């Protein structure tokens, strides 16, 4: 979707979820740290433009955010922050004007990714939760998708809905699942098996 060839840019991974509060941002931050320990140059882009909280998870108080870049007040380089071996690009909370998918939002996201992708080995997009236009568009820019889910029934239901939409609208056939917040008595493999059974029955066998 971006204008950069796959051979010359970072692999882009979207970290998303059907429901908020499942630890999606926590997973994104820890995945970034793990990839950085492997020697990869990693950027986490807070793509939850309406309710960004990557700064809270990482205990950061950024002076420059993606909002400043989008409005032309500061440069992209000024917004990049080094933390714990990887780089973050924080959105800033309450970016209400960017919570809807407008041509401006599409262009700014594309421009941002086109600029940063050649500089890193991996870009993690910490998206918003759910299946809004902004979330789905952000996910469409990624090479691969990770859906974070908890054993809670509502989380599993929303994860299924998200996977169904991604499979039907973006023709994705390989979606990774991370089970977070496992409680005693639940099995992560069992959670993924339950999701797989529903997907095989109602979405597409082999997904």
N, C-alpha and C. Protein backbone atom coordinates (compact mmCIF):
# COMPACT_ATOMS: atom_id res chain seq x y z
N UNK A 1 0.83 -1.19 0.00
CA UNK A 1 0.00 0.00 0.00
C UNK A 1 0.87 1.25 0.00
N UNK A 2 2.01 1.18 0.69
CA UNK A 2 2.92 2.32 0.68
C UNK A 2 3.65 2.34 -0.65
N UNK A 3 4.32 3.47 -0.90
CA UNK A 3 4.99 3.65 -2.17
C UNK A 3 6.41 3.09 -2.17
N UNK A 4 6.81 2.45 -1.07
CA UNK A 4 8.17 1.96 -0.94
C UNK A 4 8.19 0.47 -1.20
N UNK A 5 9.16 -0.01 -1.94
CA UNK A 5 9.24 -1.43 -2.25
C UNK A 5 9.55 -2.21 -0.98
N UNK A 6 9.04 -3.44 -0.93
CA UNK A 6 9.18 -4.25 0.28
C UNK A 6 10.64 -4.53 0.61
N UNK A 7 11.51 -4.55 -0.39
CA UNK A 7 12.90 -4.89 -0.17
C UNK A 7 13.69 -3.76 0.49
N UNK A 8 13.15 -2.55 0.48
CA UNK A 8 13.91 -1.41 0.97
C UNK A 8 13.29 -0.76 2.21
N UNK A 9 12.33 -1.44 2.81
CA UNK A 9 11.69 -0.83 3.97
C UNK A 9 11.48 -1.86 5.07
N UNK A 10 11.10 -1.33 6.23
CA UNK A 10 10.81 -2.19 7.38
C UNK A 10 9.62 -3.10 7.11
N UNK A 11 9.61 -4.23 7.81
CA UNK A 11 8.41 -5.05 7.82
C UNK A 11 7.42 -4.39 8.77
N UNK A 12 6.21 -4.17 8.30
CA UNK A 12 5.22 -3.44 9.09
C UNK A 12 4.23 -4.43 9.71
N UNK A 13 4.11 -4.37 11.02
CA UNK A 13 3.21 -5.27 11.76
C UNK A 13 2.18 -4.45 12.51
N UNK A 14 0.92 -4.73 12.30
CA UNK A 14 -0.15 -4.06 13.03
C UNK A 14 -0.51 -4.88 14.26
N UNK A 15 -0.52 -4.23 15.42
CA UNK A 15 -0.96 -4.86 16.66
C UNK A 15 -2.34 -4.28 16.94
N UNK A 16 -3.37 -5.13 16.88
CA UNK A 16 -4.74 -4.62 17.00
C UNK A 16 -5.55 -5.52 17.92
N UNK A 17 -6.80 -5.15 18.15
CA UNK A 17 -7.68 -5.96 18.99
C UNK A 17 -9.13 -5.60 18.68
N UNK A 18 -10.01 -6.51 19.00
CA UNK A 18 -11.42 -6.22 18.79
C UNK A 18 -11.99 -5.39 19.92
N UNK A 19 -11.36 -5.46 21.06
CA UNK A 19 -11.88 -4.83 22.28
C UNK A 19 -10.77 -4.08 22.98
N UNK A 20 -11.09 -2.96 23.60
CA UNK A 20 -10.11 -2.22 24.37
C UNK A 20 -9.83 -2.89 25.71
N UNK A 21 -8.71 -2.55 26.32
CA UNK A 21 -8.40 -3.07 27.64
C UNK A 21 -7.82 -4.46 27.68
N UNK A 22 -7.39 -4.98 26.53
CA UNK A 22 -6.84 -6.34 26.51
C UNK A 22 -5.31 -6.34 26.60
N UNK A 23 -4.70 -5.16 26.67
CA UNK A 23 -3.24 -5.10 26.78
C UNK A 23 -2.53 -4.99 25.45
N UNK A 24 -3.20 -4.46 24.46
CA UNK A 24 -2.63 -4.35 23.11
C UNK A 24 -1.36 -3.51 23.10
N UNK A 25 -1.40 -2.35 23.73
CA UNK A 25 -0.24 -1.47 23.76
C UNK A 25 0.90 -2.09 24.56
N UNK A 26 0.57 -2.78 25.65
CA UNK A 26 1.56 -3.48 26.46
C UNK A 26 2.27 -4.55 25.62
N UNK A 27 1.50 -5.28 24.82
CA UNK A 27 2.08 -6.31 23.95
C UNK A 27 2.99 -5.66 22.91
N UNK A 28 2.55 -4.55 22.33
CA UNK A 28 3.35 -3.87 21.31
C UNK A 28 4.69 -3.41 21.88
N UNK A 29 4.66 -2.83 23.08
CA UNK A 29 5.89 -2.34 23.70
C UNK A 29 6.84 -3.48 24.03
N UNK A 30 6.31 -4.58 24.55
CA UNK A 30 7.16 -5.72 24.89
C UNK A 30 7.70 -6.43 23.65
N UNK A 31 6.88 -6.49 22.60
CA UNK A 31 7.36 -7.08 21.36
C UNK A 31 8.49 -6.24 20.78
N UNK A 32 8.36 -4.92 20.87
CA UNK A 32 9.41 -4.03 20.39
C UNK A 32 10.71 -4.27 21.15
N UNK A 33 10.61 -4.40 22.46
CA UNK A 33 11.81 -4.63 23.28
C UNK A 33 12.46 -5.96 22.92
N UNK A 34 11.63 -7.00 22.71
CA UNK A 34 12.17 -8.32 22.37
C UNK A 34 12.86 -8.30 21.01
N UNK A 35 12.25 -7.63 20.03
CA UNK A 35 12.86 -7.54 18.70
C UNK A 35 14.15 -6.73 18.74
N UNK A 36 14.15 -5.68 19.56
CA UNK A 36 15.36 -4.86 19.69
C UNK A 36 16.49 -5.67 20.30
N UNK A 37 16.17 -6.54 21.25
CA UNK A 37 17.20 -7.38 21.87
C UNK A 37 17.80 -8.35 20.85
N UNK A 38 17.02 -8.67 19.81
CA UNK A 38 17.52 -9.54 18.74
C UNK A 38 18.38 -8.78 17.74
N UNK A 39 18.50 -7.48 17.95
CA UNK A 39 19.34 -6.68 17.07
C UNK A 39 18.60 -5.94 15.99
N UNK A 40 17.26 -5.99 16.00
CA UNK A 40 16.50 -5.29 14.97
C UNK A 40 16.31 -3.82 15.35
N UNK A 41 16.27 -2.98 14.32
CA UNK A 41 15.94 -1.57 14.52
C UNK A 41 14.42 -1.46 14.48
N UNK A 42 13.82 -1.08 15.60
CA UNK A 42 12.37 -1.16 15.75
C UNK A 42 11.78 0.21 16.05
N UNK A 43 10.66 0.50 15.39
CA UNK A 43 9.87 1.69 15.69
C UNK A 43 8.46 1.26 16.08
N UNK A 44 7.95 1.79 17.20
CA UNK A 44 6.55 1.61 17.56
C UNK A 44 5.84 2.92 17.27
N UNK A 45 4.87 2.87 16.37
CA UNK A 45 4.09 4.06 16.02
C UNK A 45 2.72 3.95 16.68
N UNK A 46 2.41 4.90 17.55
CA UNK A 46 1.12 4.89 18.23
C UNK A 46 0.06 5.36 17.25
N UNK A 47 -0.64 4.39 16.66
CA UNK A 47 -1.63 4.70 15.63
C UNK A 47 -3.05 4.77 16.18
N UNK A 48 -3.19 4.74 17.50
CA UNK A 48 -4.50 4.94 18.12
C UNK A 48 -4.70 6.45 18.25
N UNK A 49 -5.07 7.08 17.15
CA UNK A 49 -5.02 8.53 17.07
C UNK A 49 -6.02 9.23 17.99
N UNK A 50 -7.08 8.54 18.37
CA UNK A 50 -8.07 9.16 19.23
C UNK A 50 -7.82 8.96 20.71
N UNK A 51 -7.30 7.78 21.07
CA UNK A 51 -7.11 7.44 22.49
C UNK A 51 -5.71 6.87 22.72
N UNK A 52 -4.71 7.59 22.29
CA UNK A 52 -3.34 7.11 22.41
C UNK A 52 -2.91 6.98 23.87
N UNK A 53 -2.20 5.88 24.19
CA UNK A 53 -1.70 5.74 25.56
C UNK A 53 -0.36 5.03 25.64
N UNK A 54 0.36 4.95 24.52
CA UNK A 54 1.68 4.34 24.54
C UNK A 54 2.61 5.13 25.46
N UNK A 55 2.43 6.44 25.52
CA UNK A 55 3.26 7.27 26.40
C UNK A 55 3.04 6.89 27.86
N UNK A 56 1.81 6.54 28.22
CA UNK A 56 1.51 6.15 29.60
C UNK A 56 2.16 4.81 29.92
N UNK A 57 2.05 3.85 29.01
CA UNK A 57 2.64 2.53 29.21
C UNK A 57 4.14 2.62 29.40
N UNK A 58 4.79 3.51 28.64
CA UNK A 58 6.24 3.65 28.70
C UNK A 58 6.70 4.73 29.67
N UNK A 59 5.74 5.35 30.37
CA UNK A 59 6.05 6.40 31.35
C UNK A 59 6.83 7.55 30.71
N UNK A 60 6.31 8.04 29.59
CA UNK A 60 6.96 9.13 28.87
C UNK A 60 6.08 10.39 28.90
N UNK A 61 6.73 11.52 28.84
CA UNK A 61 6.01 12.80 28.73
C UNK A 61 6.57 13.54 27.52
N UNK A 62 6.09 13.18 26.33
CA UNK A 62 6.68 13.73 25.11
C UNK A 62 6.39 15.21 24.92
N UNK A 63 7.39 15.93 24.44
CA UNK A 63 7.21 17.35 24.14
C UNK A 63 6.72 17.53 22.71
N UNK A 64 7.01 16.54 21.86
CA UNK A 64 6.58 16.58 20.46
C UNK A 64 5.85 15.28 20.15
N UNK A 65 4.67 15.36 19.54
CA UNK A 65 3.88 14.18 19.20
C UNK A 65 3.54 14.18 17.71
N UNK A 66 2.87 13.10 17.31
CA UNK A 66 2.44 12.98 15.93
C UNK A 66 1.48 14.11 15.55
N UNK A 67 0.74 14.58 16.51
CA UNK A 67 -0.17 15.71 16.27
C UNK A 67 0.61 16.93 15.80
N UNK A 68 1.75 17.19 16.43
CA UNK A 68 2.58 18.33 16.04
C UNK A 68 3.14 18.15 14.63
N UNK A 69 3.45 16.90 14.29
CA UNK A 69 3.97 16.60 12.95
C UNK A 69 2.86 16.77 11.92
N UNK A 70 1.68 16.23 12.22
CA UNK A 70 0.56 16.32 11.28
C UNK A 70 0.16 17.77 11.00
N UNK A 71 0.28 18.62 12.01
CA UNK A 71 -0.12 20.02 11.85
C UNK A 71 1.02 20.88 11.32
N UNK A 72 2.19 20.28 11.13
CA UNK A 72 3.31 21.02 10.57
C UNK A 72 4.07 21.88 11.56
N UNK A 73 3.77 21.72 12.85
CA UNK A 73 4.44 22.54 13.87
C UNK A 73 5.85 22.05 14.15
N UNK A 74 6.06 20.73 14.04
CA UNK A 74 7.38 20.15 14.30
C UNK A 74 7.69 19.12 13.23
N UNK A 75 8.95 18.72 13.14
CA UNK A 75 9.35 17.74 12.13
C UNK A 75 9.19 16.33 12.69
N UNK A 76 9.17 15.36 11.79
CA UNK A 76 9.04 13.97 12.20
C UNK A 76 10.24 13.55 13.03
N UNK A 77 11.43 13.97 12.65
CA UNK A 77 12.63 13.60 13.40
C UNK A 77 12.56 14.09 14.84
N UNK A 78 11.95 15.24 15.06
CA UNK A 78 11.82 15.78 16.41
C UNK A 78 10.87 14.96 17.26
N UNK A 79 9.96 14.23 16.62
CA UNK A 79 8.96 13.45 17.35
C UNK A 79 9.44 12.04 17.70
N UNK A 80 10.51 11.58 17.08
CA UNK A 80 11.02 10.24 17.33
C UNK A 80 11.76 10.21 18.67
N UNK A 81 11.42 9.26 19.52
CA UNK A 81 12.01 9.16 20.86
C UNK A 81 12.66 7.80 21.02
N UNK A 82 13.90 7.77 21.48
CA UNK A 82 14.60 6.53 21.77
C UNK A 82 14.28 6.09 23.20
N UNK A 83 13.89 4.82 23.34
CA UNK A 83 13.58 4.31 24.67
C UNK A 83 13.84 2.81 24.73
N UNK A 84 14.66 2.39 25.68
CA UNK A 84 14.90 0.96 25.94
C UNK A 84 15.32 0.18 24.69
N UNK A 85 16.13 0.79 23.86
CA UNK A 85 16.66 0.08 22.71
C UNK A 85 15.83 0.17 21.45
N UNK A 86 14.64 0.77 21.53
CA UNK A 86 13.84 0.95 20.32
C UNK A 86 13.34 2.39 20.25
N UNK A 87 12.64 2.71 19.18
CA UNK A 87 12.18 4.08 18.94
C UNK A 87 10.67 4.12 18.98
N UNK A 88 10.11 5.21 19.49
CA UNK A 88 8.65 5.36 19.51
C UNK A 88 8.26 6.67 18.86
N UNK A 89 7.08 6.66 18.27
CA UNK A 89 6.47 7.86 17.70
C UNK A 89 5.10 7.97 18.33
N UNK A 90 4.95 8.90 19.26
CA UNK A 90 3.75 8.99 20.08
C UNK A 90 2.71 9.90 19.44
N UNK A 91 1.45 9.51 19.57
CA UNK A 91 0.38 10.26 18.91
C UNK A 91 -0.09 11.45 19.73
N UNK A 92 -0.11 11.32 21.03
CA UNK A 92 -0.70 12.37 21.85
C UNK A 92 -2.19 12.09 21.98
N UNK A 93 -2.70 12.12 23.18
CA UNK A 93 -4.10 11.74 23.40
C UNK A 93 -5.05 12.85 22.96
N UNK A 94 -6.27 12.44 22.66
CA UNK A 94 -7.31 13.40 22.34
C UNK A 94 -7.22 14.01 20.95
N UNK A 95 -6.63 13.29 19.99
CA UNK A 95 -6.55 13.80 18.63
C UNK A 95 -7.88 13.54 17.92
N UNK A 96 -8.92 14.20 18.38
CA UNK A 96 -10.27 13.93 17.91
C UNK A 96 -10.39 14.14 16.40
N UNK A 97 -9.70 15.15 15.89
CA UNK A 97 -9.80 15.44 14.46
C UNK A 97 -9.22 14.33 13.59
N UNK A 98 -8.45 13.42 14.21
CA UNK A 98 -7.87 12.31 13.46
C UNK A 98 -8.54 10.98 13.79
N UNK A 99 -9.66 11.02 14.49
CA UNK A 99 -10.33 9.78 14.87
C UNK A 99 -11.27 9.28 13.77
N UNK A 100 -11.44 10.07 12.71
CA UNK A 100 -12.23 9.64 11.55
C UNK A 100 -11.32 9.53 10.35
N UNK A 101 -11.65 8.63 9.45
CA UNK A 101 -10.82 8.41 8.27
C UNK A 101 -11.18 9.44 7.19
N UNK A 102 -10.40 10.48 7.13
CA UNK A 102 -10.56 11.50 6.10
C UNK A 102 -9.39 11.38 5.13
N UNK A 103 -9.50 11.98 3.94
CA UNK A 103 -8.35 11.97 3.01
C UNK A 103 -7.08 12.51 3.65
N UNK A 104 -7.23 13.50 4.54
CA UNK A 104 -6.07 14.07 5.21
C UNK A 104 -5.39 13.03 6.11
N UNK A 105 -6.18 12.29 6.87
CA UNK A 105 -5.63 11.26 7.75
C UNK A 105 -4.92 10.19 6.93
N UNK A 106 -5.55 9.75 5.85
CA UNK A 106 -4.94 8.74 4.98
C UNK A 106 -3.59 9.22 4.46
N UNK A 107 -3.57 10.44 3.96
CA UNK A 107 -2.33 10.98 3.38
C UNK A 107 -1.24 11.12 4.42
N UNK A 108 -1.59 11.59 5.60
CA UNK A 108 -0.59 11.82 6.63
C UNK A 108 -0.02 10.50 7.15
N UNK A 109 -0.86 9.48 7.29
CA UNK A 109 -0.36 8.17 7.72
C UNK A 109 0.57 7.58 6.67
N UNK A 110 0.18 7.67 5.41
CA UNK A 110 1.02 7.16 4.33
C UNK A 110 2.35 7.90 4.30
N UNK A 111 2.30 9.23 4.36
CA UNK A 111 3.53 10.03 4.33
C UNK A 111 4.45 9.67 5.49
N UNK A 112 3.87 9.50 6.66
CA UNK A 112 4.67 9.16 7.83
C UNK A 112 5.35 7.82 7.66
N UNK A 113 4.59 6.82 7.20
CA UNK A 113 5.17 5.49 7.01
C UNK A 113 6.21 5.49 5.90
N UNK A 114 5.96 6.22 4.84
CA UNK A 114 6.93 6.31 3.75
C UNK A 114 8.25 6.90 4.23
N UNK A 115 8.17 7.81 5.19
CA UNK A 115 9.37 8.46 5.70
C UNK A 115 10.14 7.57 6.66
N UNK A 116 9.43 6.89 7.57
CA UNK A 116 10.13 6.12 8.61
C UNK A 116 10.49 4.69 8.19
N UNK A 117 9.72 4.10 7.29
CA UNK A 117 9.92 2.69 6.96
C UNK A 117 11.33 2.35 6.47
N UNK A 118 11.97 3.18 5.67
CA UNK A 118 13.33 2.82 5.22
C UNK A 118 14.37 2.86 6.33
N UNK A 119 14.06 3.45 7.46
CA UNK A 119 15.04 3.63 8.53
C UNK A 119 15.09 2.48 9.52
N UNK A 120 14.08 1.59 9.46
CA UNK A 120 13.97 0.54 10.47
C UNK A 120 13.83 -0.84 9.83
N UNK A 121 14.09 -1.85 10.66
CA UNK A 121 13.86 -3.23 10.22
C UNK A 121 12.42 -3.64 10.46
N UNK A 122 11.80 -3.05 11.50
CA UNK A 122 10.43 -3.41 11.86
C UNK A 122 9.69 -2.16 12.36
N UNK A 123 8.49 -1.97 11.85
CA UNK A 123 7.61 -0.92 12.36
C UNK A 123 6.37 -1.60 12.93
N UNK A 124 6.10 -1.34 14.21
CA UNK A 124 4.91 -1.88 14.87
C UNK A 124 3.87 -0.77 14.95
N UNK A 125 2.69 -1.02 14.40
CA UNK A 125 1.59 -0.06 14.46
C UNK A 125 0.67 -0.44 15.60
N UNK A 126 0.68 0.34 16.66
CA UNK A 126 -0.22 0.09 17.79
C UNK A 126 -1.54 0.78 17.47
N UNK A 127 -2.48 0.03 16.91
CA UNK A 127 -3.73 0.62 16.40
C UNK A 127 -4.74 0.82 17.52
N UNK A 128 -5.83 1.48 17.19
CA UNK A 128 -6.95 1.54 18.10
C UNK A 128 -7.65 0.18 18.14
N UNK A 129 -8.58 0.03 19.07
CA UNK A 129 -9.35 -1.21 19.16
C UNK A 129 -10.60 -1.11 18.29
N UNK A 130 -11.11 -2.26 17.89
CA UNK A 130 -12.36 -2.28 17.13
C UNK A 130 -12.16 -2.27 15.63
N UNK A 131 -13.24 -1.94 14.92
CA UNK A 131 -13.21 -2.02 13.46
C UNK A 131 -13.67 -0.71 12.82
N UNK A 132 -13.25 0.39 13.41
CA UNK A 132 -13.56 1.69 12.81
C UNK A 132 -12.77 1.83 11.50
N UNK A 133 -13.17 2.81 10.70
CA UNK A 133 -12.49 3.04 9.42
C UNK A 133 -11.00 3.33 9.61
N UNK A 134 -10.68 4.13 10.64
CA UNK A 134 -9.28 4.47 10.88
C UNK A 134 -8.48 3.22 11.24
N UNK A 135 -9.02 2.38 12.11
CA UNK A 135 -8.32 1.15 12.51
C UNK A 135 -8.12 0.24 11.31
N UNK A 136 -9.17 0.00 10.55
CA UNK A 136 -9.07 -0.90 9.41
C UNK A 136 -8.10 -0.37 8.36
N UNK A 137 -8.11 0.93 8.14
CA UNK A 137 -7.18 1.50 7.17
C UNK A 137 -5.74 1.35 7.66
N UNK A 138 -5.51 1.63 8.94
CA UNK A 138 -4.17 1.49 9.50
C UNK A 138 -3.68 0.06 9.36
N UNK A 139 -4.54 -0.90 9.68
CA UNK A 139 -4.17 -2.31 9.56
C UNK A 139 -3.87 -2.66 8.09
N UNK A 140 -4.58 -2.05 7.16
CA UNK A 140 -4.37 -2.36 5.75
C UNK A 140 -2.98 -1.97 5.27
N UNK A 141 -2.32 -1.09 6.00
CA UNK A 141 -0.97 -0.66 5.62
C UNK A 141 0.10 -1.64 6.07
N UNK A 142 -0.28 -2.64 6.87
CA UNK A 142 0.68 -3.56 7.45
C UNK A 142 0.88 -4.81 6.60
N UNK A 143 2.07 -5.37 6.71
CA UNK A 143 2.38 -6.64 6.04
C UNK A 143 1.77 -7.81 6.79
N UNK A 144 1.66 -7.69 8.09
CA UNK A 144 1.11 -8.76 8.91
C UNK A 144 0.33 -8.17 10.07
N UNK A 145 -0.57 -8.98 10.64
CA UNK A 145 -1.46 -8.51 11.70
C UNK A 145 -1.39 -9.44 12.91
N UNK A 146 -1.33 -8.82 14.08
CA UNK A 146 -1.40 -9.56 15.34
C UNK A 146 -2.64 -9.07 16.08
N UNK A 147 -3.55 -9.98 16.40
CA UNK A 147 -4.75 -9.64 17.16
C UNK A 147 -4.55 -10.08 18.61
N UNK A 148 -4.66 -9.13 19.53
CA UNK A 148 -4.50 -9.44 20.95
C UNK A 148 -5.88 -9.73 21.54
N UNK A 149 -5.97 -10.84 22.28
CA UNK A 149 -7.24 -11.27 22.84
C UNK A 149 -7.00 -11.77 24.26
N UNK A 150 -8.02 -11.68 25.10
CA UNK A 150 -7.96 -12.28 26.44
C UNK A 150 -8.99 -13.41 26.50
N UNK A 151 -8.91 -14.26 27.52
CA UNK A 151 -9.88 -15.36 27.63
C UNK A 151 -11.31 -14.90 27.92
N UNK A 152 -11.51 -13.65 28.20
CA UNK A 152 -12.84 -13.13 28.50
C UNK A 152 -13.77 -13.32 27.30
N UNK A 153 -15.00 -13.78 27.50
CA UNK A 153 -15.91 -14.05 26.38
C UNK A 153 -16.14 -12.85 25.46
N UNK A 154 -16.28 -11.64 26.02
CA UNK A 154 -16.51 -10.48 25.16
C UNK A 154 -15.29 -10.17 24.31
N UNK A 155 -14.10 -10.38 24.86
CA UNK A 155 -12.88 -10.17 24.10
C UNK A 155 -12.78 -11.17 22.95
N UNK A 156 -13.11 -12.41 23.22
CA UNK A 156 -13.05 -13.44 22.17
C UNK A 156 -14.08 -13.16 21.07
N UNK A 157 -15.28 -12.72 21.48
CA UNK A 157 -16.31 -12.40 20.50
C UNK A 157 -15.87 -11.26 19.60
N UNK A 158 -15.30 -10.22 20.21
CA UNK A 158 -14.84 -9.07 19.43
C UNK A 158 -13.63 -9.41 18.57
N UNK A 159 -12.77 -10.29 19.08
CA UNK A 159 -11.62 -10.73 18.28
C UNK A 159 -12.09 -11.48 17.04
N UNK A 160 -13.08 -12.34 17.23
CA UNK A 160 -13.65 -13.06 16.08
C UNK A 160 -14.22 -12.09 15.06
N UNK A 161 -14.96 -11.07 15.54
CA UNK A 161 -15.55 -10.09 14.63
C UNK A 161 -14.46 -9.35 13.86
N UNK A 162 -13.38 -9.00 14.56
CA UNK A 162 -12.27 -8.29 13.91
C UNK A 162 -11.62 -9.16 12.84
N UNK A 163 -11.33 -10.41 13.19
CA UNK A 163 -10.72 -11.32 12.23
C UNK A 163 -11.62 -11.53 11.03
N UNK A 164 -12.92 -11.65 11.27
CA UNK A 164 -13.88 -11.84 10.18
C UNK A 164 -13.84 -10.66 9.22
N UNK A 165 -13.83 -9.44 9.76
CA UNK A 165 -13.80 -8.24 8.92
C UNK A 165 -12.50 -8.16 8.13
N UNK A 166 -11.37 -8.45 8.79
CA UNK A 166 -10.08 -8.40 8.11
C UNK A 166 -10.00 -9.43 7.00
N UNK A 167 -10.57 -10.60 7.25
CA UNK A 167 -10.55 -11.65 6.23
C UNK A 167 -11.42 -11.28 5.04
N UNK A 168 -12.56 -10.64 5.30
CA UNK A 168 -13.50 -10.34 4.21
C UNK A 168 -13.12 -9.07 3.46
N UNK A 169 -12.65 -8.04 4.17
CA UNK A 169 -12.38 -6.76 3.50
C UNK A 169 -10.95 -6.63 2.98
N UNK A 170 -10.01 -7.29 3.65
CA UNK A 170 -8.61 -7.19 3.24
C UNK A 170 -8.05 -8.49 2.70
N UNK A 171 -8.93 -9.50 2.63
CA UNK A 171 -8.54 -10.81 2.08
C UNK A 171 -7.33 -11.40 2.79
N UNK A 172 -7.21 -11.15 4.08
CA UNK A 172 -6.09 -11.70 4.83
C UNK A 172 -6.35 -13.16 5.16
N UNK A 173 -5.34 -13.98 4.98
CA UNK A 173 -5.47 -15.40 5.23
C UNK A 173 -4.52 -15.90 6.31
N UNK A 174 -3.70 -14.99 6.84
CA UNK A 174 -2.79 -15.36 7.93
C UNK A 174 -2.81 -14.24 8.95
N UNK A 175 -3.45 -14.50 10.08
CA UNK A 175 -3.55 -13.51 11.16
C UNK A 175 -3.05 -14.17 12.44
N UNK A 176 -2.10 -13.53 13.08
CA UNK A 176 -1.55 -14.08 14.32
C UNK A 176 -2.40 -13.64 15.52
N UNK A 177 -2.45 -14.49 16.53
CA UNK A 177 -3.22 -14.19 17.74
C UNK A 177 -2.30 -14.30 18.95
N UNK A 178 -2.36 -13.29 19.83
CA UNK A 178 -1.64 -13.33 21.10
C UNK A 178 -2.69 -13.33 22.21
N UNK A 179 -2.63 -14.33 23.07
CA UNK A 179 -3.56 -14.41 24.21
C UNK A 179 -2.88 -13.76 25.40
N UNK A 180 -3.47 -12.68 25.89
CA UNK A 180 -2.90 -11.92 26.99
C UNK A 180 -3.79 -12.07 28.23
N UNK A 181 -3.24 -11.73 29.37
CA UNK A 181 -3.99 -11.76 30.64
C UNK A 181 -4.61 -13.13 30.92
N UNK A 182 -3.84 -14.15 30.67
CA UNK A 182 -4.34 -15.50 30.95
C UNK A 182 -4.53 -15.67 32.45
N UNK A 183 -5.65 -16.22 32.83
CA UNK A 183 -5.93 -16.44 34.25
C UNK A 183 -5.83 -17.94 34.55
N UNK A 184 -5.58 -18.30 35.82
CA UNK A 184 -5.50 -19.72 36.18
C UNK A 184 -6.75 -20.47 35.72
N UNK A 185 -6.51 -21.63 35.14
CA UNK A 185 -7.62 -22.44 34.66
C UNK A 185 -7.92 -22.26 33.20
N UNK A 186 -7.25 -21.29 32.55
CA UNK A 186 -7.44 -21.10 31.12
C UNK A 186 -6.15 -21.45 30.39
N UNK A 187 -6.29 -21.86 29.16
CA UNK A 187 -5.15 -22.29 28.37
C UNK A 187 -5.11 -21.45 27.10
N UNK A 188 -3.96 -20.81 26.84
CA UNK A 188 -3.83 -19.95 25.66
C UNK A 188 -4.10 -20.74 24.38
N UNK A 189 -3.60 -21.93 24.31
CA UNK A 189 -3.84 -22.76 23.11
C UNK A 189 -5.32 -23.09 22.96
N UNK A 190 -5.98 -23.26 24.11
CA UNK A 190 -7.42 -23.53 24.06
C UNK A 190 -8.20 -22.34 23.54
N UNK A 191 -7.77 -21.13 23.93
CA UNK A 191 -8.44 -19.92 23.46
C UNK A 191 -8.29 -19.80 21.95
N UNK A 192 -7.08 -19.99 21.45
CA UNK A 192 -6.86 -19.88 20.00
C UNK A 192 -7.59 -21.00 19.25
N UNK A 193 -7.67 -22.17 19.87
CA UNK A 193 -8.38 -23.27 19.23
C UNK A 193 -9.87 -22.96 19.10
N UNK A 194 -10.43 -22.33 20.14
CA UNK A 194 -11.85 -21.95 20.09
C UNK A 194 -12.09 -20.93 18.97
N UNK A 195 -11.20 -19.95 18.87
CA UNK A 195 -11.33 -18.95 17.80
C UNK A 195 -11.21 -19.62 16.43
N UNK A 196 -10.25 -20.53 16.32
CA UNK A 196 -10.04 -21.20 15.04
C UNK A 196 -11.27 -22.01 14.62
N UNK A 197 -11.91 -22.66 15.58
CA UNK A 197 -13.10 -23.44 15.26
C UNK A 197 -14.22 -22.57 14.70
N UNK A 198 -14.42 -21.41 15.32
CA UNK A 198 -15.47 -20.50 14.86
C UNK A 198 -15.12 -19.95 13.48
N UNK A 199 -13.85 -19.60 13.30
CA UNK A 199 -13.41 -19.04 12.02
C UNK A 199 -13.56 -20.08 10.91
N UNK A 200 -13.14 -21.32 11.20
CA UNK A 200 -13.27 -22.37 10.18
C UNK A 200 -14.72 -22.61 9.79
N UNK A 201 -15.61 -22.43 10.76
CA UNK A 201 -17.02 -22.72 10.50
C UNK A 201 -17.73 -21.60 9.78
N UNK A 202 -17.41 -20.35 10.18
CA UNK A 202 -18.20 -19.22 9.67
C UNK A 202 -17.44 -18.25 8.75
N UNK A 203 -16.12 -18.34 8.73
CA UNK A 203 -15.37 -17.39 7.90
C UNK A 203 -14.74 -18.06 6.72
N UNK A 204 -13.60 -18.69 6.95
CA UNK A 204 -12.90 -19.31 5.83
C UNK A 204 -11.99 -20.41 6.34
N UNK A 205 -12.23 -21.65 5.97
CA UNK A 205 -11.35 -22.75 6.37
C UNK A 205 -9.93 -22.47 5.93
N UNK A 206 -8.98 -22.72 6.82
CA UNK A 206 -7.59 -22.54 6.46
C UNK A 206 -7.04 -21.19 6.85
N UNK A 207 -7.87 -20.29 7.38
CA UNK A 207 -7.36 -18.98 7.80
C UNK A 207 -6.51 -19.13 9.05
